[in-house]
Amino acid sequence: LNTLVAAVWGGISTTLLKYFSDGYVDVLMIINGVLGGLVSITANCHAVSSDQAFLIGIIGGVIVFYGDKLLEWKKIDDAISVIPVHLFAGIWGTIALALLGDPTKIGTGLSRLDQLEVQLLGIATIGIYSFVIAYVVFKLINRFYPLRVDANAELIGLNVAEHRVSTEVFDLLAAMHHQQQKSDFSSTVPVEPFTEVGQIAQQYNRVIDKVNQEIKQRDQAFSAYKESEFRKGAILQAAMDCIVTINERGEIIEFNPAAEQCFGMSKRSVLGQNFFVLFITEQSRSAAMSNLSHGFVSGDGLVLKRHNIAELTRSDGEEFPAEVVITQTTDTTQPRVEYTLHIRDITQQIKLQNRLKQLAYNDPLTGLYNRTYFMSHLKQLIQYHQQTPGSVVLMFLDLDQFKKINDNLGHKAGDELLCEVANRLGKVTRELDLVGRWGGDEFVIVLSGDITLENAESKAMDILGVMRAPVTLAQQNLVVPTSIGIAISENGQIQAEQLLQHADIAMYKAKQAGRNTYRVFLEEMSEKSLQHFQLEHALPDAIKGDQLFLEYQPKVSCETSEVVGFEALLRWQHPEHGLIMPGDFIPVIDESNMIIDVGEWVIENVIKQLSAWRDAGATLLPIAINISGHHLHSNTLTAYVEKLMTQYGISGELLE
């Protein structure tokens, strides 16, 4: 019975306090009051009377209510009021045992004062144990092993999927920007199906359709408002938008339930008060009052019959963006003017627009600028330095052997590495430098202004220095080497696309030089790169068109001076360029995806030649064949060789 009495009166006390304080009943506060009463009576329900349980429950509810207010004032985050319900009310219940409990029922043999000392000692002891000792332990642990990452790392960690920006994002942003500028939400934004952006656009269109429907309903409602005061009251009560009516001095006349919920104040508490003083931000208040004095017909600020965007504030001081439409009503019976403000909170719409901008301009995993924004800004810098003396230096970075990390440690480890690289690049570059993720394991950096080639090389050395530091992935310390290509555009002479191509070529030269280094673009690199490109694309025709052939170099014994075997050497007779030197085309084959095709071609032709020599009655000697490492590790090599040996009847002893 005592438990029930305390719980009921705990809920009643918080309900009354909430109602008289804020003007409405809060279900959550009722529940917390009941819980506060239960917590307060827990320690003493067996030792008090029903009257005392009534008092304990009421005081417990009061403590919960004002404890919640205290946390709100101190800006302590407690979304479900655990502290006032279980801590504050629990302390009160513990003290109440000594103050109100029957000593004979308590059974400790202590006087009331002694019992109070014991209860307070228990509270202090538990408080010290729970808070002070735990705080010290956590501080010690955190000193040697951080319990949380920094805020920037937490933010980066939220983005766990790579994102390739497609053009529909910009169409969507342009349409939304047009709607915002013109305050015209009658048209929908373009939708690209089967993409994340398309889903956002589709959801945004649903929101806009709902907005248009509600605007249409609102306009119809206000037509009815002009016809009937009765219908006006019904609309005010049912409307989803905030509807506030003010007089020519800005004093509130009407304040519908939606406005009460939005601004956090009851109609009774705001009637007669100035709307602009209560709900317009301080920096915009004087301008809004000026608009009111001119009847909302001036060109700037709040204007009649227009979708105005304004920054409003709630009763707790929270600011939020709102769409405000103002209509004017003239009372024909009295010389007065009233204005009706139709207010819609557009916080979610603004968040959606900001999210779309982030998708359009930032890489979702690393937070760096994405390819689209990077190229746009690079072009602007080059155009700027066409008019203003200075240089634009582009660095193209590629993580060597990144694929191995992805394949062996998993994509999560790969994502962690990319985020760590982005963090390190941010530390070694200036705030005015442009850092972006080009895609995959490729990053780009732009330095601009009075930058010399020596400055660029020094910066490349700094970057290589920080990149050589080990990184822990999947509980393993790894060093990820980086190759950097550097290209420079002096006074905007080289355009963005060509500058990027130059940096890319220089980066591959750095890889060919042994990786984990940098190279500056030189013109002859472009010529070699073009030759490499042409040979790579001519390679399939060379295989099919019998342009490749083999020469067999004898292997002579130093002891007997006899020929003991041959080595098969690949040659390329191009129909236009003639005999291409092995040093020119062998690296092309090694780097192409046709290395296995060429290797199989060589093996088959060697075995065919051995078969032909055997059929001609010649003595067969072993032939050595050069096999690439990639082909050697493939799953098809052994089966392919065995098949050909069986087909032509050649022994494996004849192949080296």
Foldseek 3Di string as FASTA:
>chain_A
DLLVLLLQLLLVLQQVCCCVPFVDGDPLLSNLSSLLSNLLCVVAVQFADSVLSNVLSNVSSVQLNVVVVVCVVVVPDDPSSCCSRNPVSNLNSLQSCLVGGDCVRVPPPDHSVVSNVVSVVVSVVVVCVVPVVVVVVQVVCCVVPNPDDDPLVVQLVVQDDWADDDPLLVQQLVVVVVCVVQVDLPDATDADPPDPVNVLSVVVNVVSVVVVVLVVVVVVQVVVVVVDVVSVVVCLAPRLWWKWKAWLQQFTDDTYPNNCVVQSHDPVVRGRHHPLVQWADPVCSVVVSVCSNVVQPDPDDRHAQGQGWGWIAHNSGDIFIKTWHKDKDADPVDGIIMIMIGIDGCRVVVVSSVVSVCSNFATSNQRAGEPVNVQVVQQVQLVVLLVPFKKKKKKKKAWPPLVVCCVPQHVSLSSVVLNVLSVLVVVLDDPPKHKYAHDDRMIMIMDMGHDDPVNVQVSQVVSLVSQQAWDAGPNDTDRTAMFMFMEMDGSSPDGSVVRVVQRVLQSVVSVVVPTNHGGYGDPVSVVLVVLLVVLLVCVVVQLVVVQKDWDWAFDADPVPRHGQETEIDIWGQDPPPGTDDCVSNVVSLVPDPCVLVVLLSSLLVVLVVQLVCVVVVHDAHAYEYDHDPVNVPDPCVVVSNVVSCVVSVNDPVNYD
